[in-house]
Structures are given as C-alpha cells and as structure tokens.
Protein backbone atom coordinates (compact mmCIF):
# COMPACT_ATOMS: atom_id res chain seq x y z
CA VAL A 1 -55.19 11.35 -13.21
CA PRO A 2 -52.66 14.23 -12.96
CA ALA A 3 -55.33 16.65 -11.73
CA LEU A 4 -56.56 14.20 -9.09
CA THR A 5 -53.00 13.46 -7.99
CA ALA A 6 -52.23 17.17 -7.71
CA ALA A 7 -55.38 17.63 -5.59
CA TRP A 8 -54.22 14.76 -3.36
CA ALA A 9 -50.74 16.26 -3.04
CA LEU A 10 -52.19 19.67 -2.12
CA THR A 11 -54.89 18.55 0.31
CA GLY A 12 -53.78 15.13 1.56
CA GLN A 13 -57.34 13.84 0.99
CA LYS A 14 -57.20 10.17 0.14
CA LYS A 15 -60.36 10.32 -2.00
CA TYR A 16 -58.40 12.02 -4.79
CA ALA A 17 -55.65 9.40 -4.77
CA ALA A 18 -58.27 6.62 -4.74
CA HIS A 19 -60.05 8.02 -7.77
CA ALA A 20 -56.79 8.52 -9.66
CA SER A 21 -55.97 4.89 -8.89
CA LEU A 22 -59.38 3.86 -10.26
CA HIS A 23 -58.63 5.50 -13.61
CA LEU A 24 -55.14 3.98 -13.81
CA ARG A 25 -56.50 0.52 -13.06
CA ALA A 26 -59.14 0.94 -15.79
CA TRP A 27 -56.52 1.81 -18.39
CA PHE A 28 -53.77 -0.59 -17.40
CA VAL A 29 -55.12 -3.41 -15.21
CA ASP A 30 -58.81 -4.32 -15.67
CA PRO A 31 -59.02 -7.04 -18.37
CA ALA A 32 -62.26 -5.59 -19.72
CA THR A 33 -60.86 -2.12 -20.38
CA ARG A 34 -57.04 -2.20 -20.29
CA MET A 35 -55.04 -1.00 -23.27
CA ASN A 36 -52.48 -3.16 -25.06
CA PRO A 37 -48.88 -2.00 -24.40
CA ASN A 38 -48.02 -1.09 -27.99
CA LEU A 39 -48.92 1.39 -30.70
CA ALA A 40 -48.40 -0.97 -33.61
CA TYR A 41 -51.41 0.44 -35.48
CA ALA A 42 -51.02 4.13 -34.61
CA GLN A 43 -51.78 6.52 -37.49
CA ALA A 44 -52.59 3.64 -39.83
CA ILE A 45 -53.67 4.62 -43.33
CA VAL A 46 -55.89 2.16 -45.21
CA GLY A 47 -54.06 0.84 -48.24
CA VAL A 48 -50.86 2.64 -47.32
CA SER A 49 -49.63 1.65 -43.86
CA LYS A 50 -50.80 -0.59 -41.02
CA GLY A 51 -49.19 1.77 -38.55
CA ARG A 52 -46.41 4.34 -38.45
CA GLY A 53 -43.75 5.37 -35.99
CA THR A 54 -45.03 8.96 -36.06
CA GLY A 55 -48.11 7.72 -34.21
CA ILE A 56 -46.08 7.12 -31.06
CA ILE A 57 -46.30 10.82 -30.30
CA ASP A 58 -49.93 10.13 -29.40
CA THR A 59 -48.92 8.52 -26.09
CA LEU A 60 -47.08 11.66 -25.04
CA HIS A 61 -50.16 12.36 -22.95
CA LEU A 62 -49.33 9.31 -20.83
CA VAL A 63 -46.21 11.10 -19.55
CA GLU A 64 -48.03 13.06 -16.88
CA PRO A 65 -50.19 10.10 -15.70
CA ALA A 66 -46.95 8.12 -15.40
CA ARG A 67 -45.44 10.94 -13.34
CA ALA A 68 -48.59 10.96 -11.16
CA ALA A 69 -48.48 7.19 -10.75
CA THR A 70 -44.85 7.43 -9.64
CA LEU A 71 -45.84 9.74 -6.77
CA LEU A 72 -48.89 7.69 -5.82
CA ALA A 73 -46.93 4.43 -5.83
CA ALA A 74 -44.11 5.92 -3.74
CA ALA A 75 -46.68 6.93 -1.11
CA GLY A 76 -48.38 3.53 -1.12
CA ALA A 77 -51.52 5.16 -2.50
CA LEU A 78 -51.75 3.27 -5.83
CA GLU A 79 -53.65 0.01 -5.93
CA ASP A 80 -52.14 -2.62 -8.26
CA ALA A 81 -49.00 -0.51 -8.60
CA ALA A 82 -46.89 -3.51 -9.62
CA VAL A 83 -49.26 -4.42 -12.45
CA ILE A 84 -49.37 -0.85 -13.72
CA LYS A 85 -45.57 -0.64 -13.61
CA SER A 86 -45.42 -3.89 -15.59
CA TRP A 87 -47.64 -2.37 -18.29
CA PHE A 88 -45.36 0.66 -18.64
CA ALA A 89 -42.28 -1.56 -18.66
CA ASP A 90 -43.78 -3.61 -21.50
CA TYR A 91 -44.71 -0.49 -23.47
CA LEU A 92 -41.25 1.03 -22.97
CA GLU A 93 -39.67 -2.18 -24.23
CA TRP A 94 -41.92 -2.09 -27.31
CA MET A 95 -40.92 1.55 -27.93
CA ARG A 96 -37.25 0.58 -27.77
CA THR A 97 -37.30 -2.63 -29.82
CA SER A 98 -40.04 -2.34 -32.47
CA LYS A 99 -39.35 -0.87 -35.90
CA ASN A 100 -42.02 1.78 -35.39
CA GLY A 101 -40.55 2.68 -32.03
CA GLN A 102 -37.03 2.96 -33.40
CA ASP A 103 -38.22 5.03 -36.37
CA GLU A 104 -39.83 7.53 -34.00
CA ARG A 105 -36.80 7.53 -31.69
CA ASP A 106 -34.67 8.63 -34.64
CA ALA A 107 -37.02 11.39 -35.82
CA LYS A 108 -35.18 14.70 -36.18
CA ASN A 109 -37.74 17.20 -34.83
CA ASN A 110 -40.15 17.33 -31.88
CA HIS A 111 -41.15 13.71 -32.53
CA GLY A 112 -37.69 12.60 -31.40
CA SER A 113 -37.90 14.86 -28.33
CA CYS A 114 -41.30 13.41 -27.40
CA TRP A 115 -39.99 9.85 -27.71
CA VAL A 116 -37.19 10.62 -25.22
CA LEU A 117 -39.54 12.33 -22.77
CA GLN A 118 -41.85 9.33 -22.82
CA ALA A 119 -38.96 6.93 -22.33
CA ALA A 120 -37.57 9.05 -19.49
CA GLU A 121 -40.81 9.19 -17.52
CA PHE A 122 -41.85 5.60 -18.16
CA ALA A 123 -38.38 4.55 -17.04
CA ARG A 124 -38.69 6.72 -13.92
CA PHE A 125 -41.94 4.99 -12.99
CA THR A 126 -40.55 1.51 -13.60
CA GLY A 127 -37.16 2.14 -11.99
CA ASN A 128 -35.16 1.65 -15.21
CA GLU A 129 -32.09 3.78 -14.53
CA GLU A 130 -30.27 2.38 -17.57
CA VAL A 131 -32.85 3.92 -19.89
CA ARG A 132 -32.83 7.21 -17.99
CA ALA A 133 -29.05 7.41 -18.37
CA TRP A 134 -29.47 6.74 -22.10
CA CYS A 135 -32.05 9.56 -22.27
CA ARG A 136 -29.62 12.02 -20.65
CA ASP A 137 -26.98 11.09 -23.18
CA ARG A 138 -29.50 11.41 -26.02
CA PHE A 139 -30.41 14.90 -24.88
CA ARG A 140 -26.78 16.04 -24.85
CA THR A 141 -25.52 14.26 -27.98
CA VAL A 142 -28.54 14.26 -30.32
CA LEU A 143 -31.46 16.47 -29.33
CA VAL A 144 -29.61 19.65 -28.45
CA PRO A 145 -26.99 19.53 -31.24
CA GLN A 146 -29.53 18.63 -33.94
CA GLN A 147 -32.46 20.79 -32.89
CA ILE A 148 -31.24 23.98 -31.17
CA ALA A 149 -29.42 26.48 -33.38
CA PRO A 150 -26.58 28.65 -32.00
CA ASP A 151 -29.00 31.58 -31.77
CA GLY A 152 -31.43 29.48 -29.67
CA SER A 153 -34.05 28.94 -32.38
CA LEU A 154 -35.48 25.59 -33.46
CA PRO A 155 -34.97 25.49 -37.25
CA LEU A 156 -36.76 22.17 -37.75
CA GLU A 157 -39.90 23.63 -36.16
CA LEU A 158 -39.58 26.98 -37.92
CA ALA A 159 -39.68 25.12 -41.23
CA ARG A 160 -43.16 23.74 -40.54
CA THR A 161 -46.54 25.19 -41.41
CA LYS A 162 -47.16 26.04 -37.73
CA PRO A 163 -43.73 27.34 -36.70
CA TYR A 164 -44.88 29.29 -33.66
CA SER A 165 -46.93 26.60 -31.92
CA TYR A 166 -44.43 23.86 -32.74
CA SER A 167 -41.56 25.99 -31.43
CA LEU A 168 -43.51 26.44 -28.20
CA PHE A 169 -44.28 22.73 -28.10
CA ASP A 170 -40.72 21.51 -28.63
CA THR A 171 -39.42 24.10 -26.15
CA ASP A 172 -41.81 22.69 -23.55
CA VAL A 173 -40.84 19.09 -24.28
CA LEU A 174 -37.11 19.85 -24.04
CA ALA A 175 -37.70 21.77 -20.79
CA ASP A 176 -39.73 18.85 -19.45
CA LEU A 177 -36.78 16.60 -20.26
CA CYS A 178 -34.45 18.87 -18.26
CA GLN A 179 -36.91 18.77 -15.38
CA SER A 180 -37.29 15.00 -15.61
CA LEU A 181 -33.66 13.98 -16.02
CA SER A 182 -31.49 16.56 -14.25
CA THR A 183 -29.61 15.44 -11.17
CA ALA A 184 -27.16 17.13 -8.83
CA SER A 185 -24.30 15.76 -10.92
CA GLU A 186 -25.96 16.00 -14.37
CA ASP A 187 -27.73 19.33 -14.75
CA LEU A 188 -29.23 19.39 -18.24
CA TRP A 189 -30.57 22.90 -17.71
CA HIS A 190 -27.04 24.28 -17.87
CA PHE A 191 -25.68 21.91 -20.53
CA ALA A 192 -24.41 23.61 -23.69
CA THR A 193 -22.40 22.46 -26.69
CA THR A 194 -19.14 24.13 -27.65
CA ALA A 195 -21.18 26.21 -30.13
CA GLY A 196 -23.40 27.43 -27.29
CA ARG A 197 -26.45 25.37 -28.16
CA GLY A 198 -28.48 24.60 -25.05
CA MET A 199 -31.66 25.06 -23.10
CA LYS A 200 -30.71 28.45 -21.65
CA LYS A 201 -30.17 29.88 -25.12
CA LEU A 202 -33.47 28.38 -26.33
CA MET A 203 -35.44 29.94 -23.46
CA ALA A 204 -33.84 33.33 -24.04
CA PHE A 205 -34.79 33.10 -27.71
CA MET A 206 -38.44 32.11 -27.09
CA TYR A 207 -39.27 34.30 -24.09
CA PRO A 208 -39.80 37.59 -26.02
CA PHE A 209 -42.15 35.88 -28.46
CA ILE A 210 -44.19 34.33 -25.65
CA LYS A 211 -44.41 37.71 -23.93
CA ASP A 212 -45.40 39.53 -27.13
CA LYS A 213 -46.41 37.30 -30.02
CA SER A 214 -46.69 40.33 -32.32
CA THR A 215 -42.89 40.48 -32.43
CA TRP A 216 -42.64 37.01 -34.01
CA PRO A 217 -40.55 37.61 -37.18
CA TYR A 218 -41.30 34.31 -38.91
CA ARG A 219 -44.33 33.00 -40.78
CA HIS A 220 -47.59 32.85 -38.85
CA ASP A 221 -49.14 29.44 -38.23
CA VAL A 222 -51.67 28.34 -40.85
CA GLU A 223 -54.21 27.69 -38.09
CA HIS A 224 -54.79 28.43 -34.40
CA TRP A 225 -52.45 31.45 -34.50
CA ASN A 226 -54.69 33.27 -32.01
CA ASP A 227 -54.91 30.35 -29.56
CA PHE A 228 -51.27 30.37 -28.41
CA PRO A 229 -49.41 30.81 -26.13
CA VAL A 230 -50.88 29.15 -23.04
CA ARG A 231 -49.32 28.54 -19.63
CA GLN A 232 -46.17 26.97 -21.08
CA PRO A 233 -44.48 24.84 -18.36
CA SER A 234 -41.06 25.70 -19.81
CA LEU A 235 -41.43 29.20 -18.39
CA LEU A 236 -41.97 27.96 -14.84
CA PHE A 237 -39.31 25.23 -14.91
CA ALA A 238 -36.69 27.45 -16.57
CA GLY A 239 -37.56 30.36 -14.32
CA ILE A 240 -36.78 28.23 -11.29
CA ALA A 241 -33.66 26.66 -12.84
CA TYR A 242 -32.15 29.98 -13.93
CA GLY A 243 -33.54 32.28 -11.25
CA GLU A 244 -35.36 34.23 -13.97
CA HIS A 245 -38.36 35.70 -12.14
CA GLU A 246 -39.67 37.33 -15.31
CA TYR A 247 -40.22 33.86 -16.77
CA ILE A 248 -42.33 32.87 -13.77
CA ASP A 249 -44.21 36.17 -13.75
CA LEU A 250 -45.16 35.67 -17.41
CA TRP A 251 -46.18 32.07 -16.77
CA LYS A 252 -48.66 33.25 -14.11
CA THR A 253 -50.46 35.47 -16.64
CA LEU A 254 -51.11 32.80 -19.27
CA ASN A 255 -54.16 30.55 -19.74
CA PRO A 256 -53.80 27.27 -17.74
CA ASP A 257 -56.98 25.65 -19.08
CA PRO A 258 -57.23 25.82 -22.89
CA THR A 259 -60.31 24.28 -24.48
CA VAL A 260 -59.21 24.17 -28.12
CA PRO A 261 -58.36 20.53 -28.98
CA GLU A 262 -55.28 21.43 -31.04
CA VAL A 263 -53.88 23.44 -28.13
CA ILE A 264 -54.59 20.64 -25.65
CA ARG A 265 -52.83 18.20 -27.98
CA ASN A 266 -49.66 20.31 -27.72
CA PHE A 267 -49.92 20.91 -23.97
CA PRO A 268 -49.05 17.59 -22.27
CA VAL A 269 -47.77 18.93 -18.92
CA ARG A 270 -50.55 20.79 -17.14
CA GLN A 271 -49.85 19.92 -13.50
CA PRO A 272 -46.35 21.30 -12.85
CA LEU A 273 -46.77 20.63 -9.13
CA LEU A 274 -46.08 16.97 -9.96
CA TRP A 275 -42.77 17.91 -11.59
CA LEU A 276 -41.30 20.04 -8.80
CA PRO A 277 -39.21 18.76 -5.90
CA ARG A 278 -41.33 18.10 -2.82
CA ALA A 279 -40.43 18.68 0.81
C-alpha cells in the first residue's frame, strides 16, 4: 500500500491509488478477509499466556499504510474510506483501553516508542487530535527523558543482545514521531530536556556509527550484524529538520530495499515521500 501510494503521488496515475485501495479494503472492509481490530492473542504462548502486550509491536507495520490511507482519503482516492477509518478508530481504542494495550504503552524501551508512533498515525488518519496531543506530551515527558541519555545514547537498547540494530530501530521510531507530530508551534525535533536529552543529541550520537559501523564501541549484535544499517529514515528526516546535509548524503548511499526478514521487521518506514510536506 505505501509503495502504490508513493507511485500515485509521483505519477498521478489513478491505477496505483485504485490498487492501494483494493488492498486496504481487503484488510479492513471485506467481511471475508478483514482483520479484527485487536491484538488480544498476539505473541500467545501455549500454557503460559493467551496473548501479551509485547505483541502489539507487530502492528507497527500498519503505520505506513495508515499514513498512505490518510493521503488517499484526503484526495478522495480511497474507496470505503469511512469504513477503514472506523477500523483504525476501533483498533486505537483497543490499544488505549485494553490491559495488553496499556502494558505495551508503558513499556520502557522501543516497545513504548512504537506504541506512541502507532497511536499518533492511527489518530492522524481518524482525525483524533486529542490522542495526537497526548502523544506529543508522551514524547516530551516520558520517551525522551526515559530513553535518551545526556550523551545521546539509548541505554535501554544498548543493554540488549542486539544493541546496534535496536539503537538504529528506536532512533528511527523516535524520528518518525518527530516527523508525525511536529507542528509550527510544537517542534519535537528541537525539544530537549534541561539535561540536554533530545532528538538532536540522539542523531549526533548515532550518525558516526551509521557512517562507519566499525567505530561502534559497544557489543556487536548476536545476529545480523552485517545486515545493518539500511536507508534509515531518521537520517533523511533529521537532515531536513536540522539542515544537516551530511545526514541526507549518507541516507542516499544506504540500501533502500533489504531482503533479510529481520531487517525488514525493523524497517517500518520505507516510503519517506509519504512523510514529507507536499506542495
């Protein structure tokens, strides 16, 4: 859906929007194939749990289809837009009110970041400005203070068995949040705590290790060390926000189309065109 929507945005050819709409209707409208708007059984373990809050990270990949659907609906190019919006509204409500949803919302590391990004984009699509305002406040009062260290590192990700890839992943998610939620009056890109914790410091910390992974001073990931980095969207978005052309130049050199499943899993924003302001 994001790729088709990007093709439609670039070319103006209605066939791409129509096919994106077909996929969205299959997932969220058609009674024979539509999903249920909850993840009550996500990451269930037989004999242990019927479903866990950590499983909600698995719908992070709906963030970009929701962004695409927002653009299609605004242009009148999305069939059954109201029904699809209703699905996302129901799912967002489940995320906010269920025990599993609240457990994931309160997660300390990238799981908490991913919950907020999902809520922000699902709320954008459904026109829920109350939730988007809550997400901005969550970014400033919880995500940044609890996750970004004064030196710009992400200690909760560095403590994991794959510290490099998870640091890249959480950096991207936090950058996506800045791109999603920033307004003229509330610029999350330039927000910083009194201790200096903020997105600008995080990008300055990560940039050298994306440019030259051999300089990474921490433990290497237990798997897929050689498969990262890819074309991290944080480089493009931050490069534009801060006027850092070297970020954008590096972004252009990286792989935009990874084929390794673990890399794809940690690469939810692959059509940055959909995330940039449009004339």
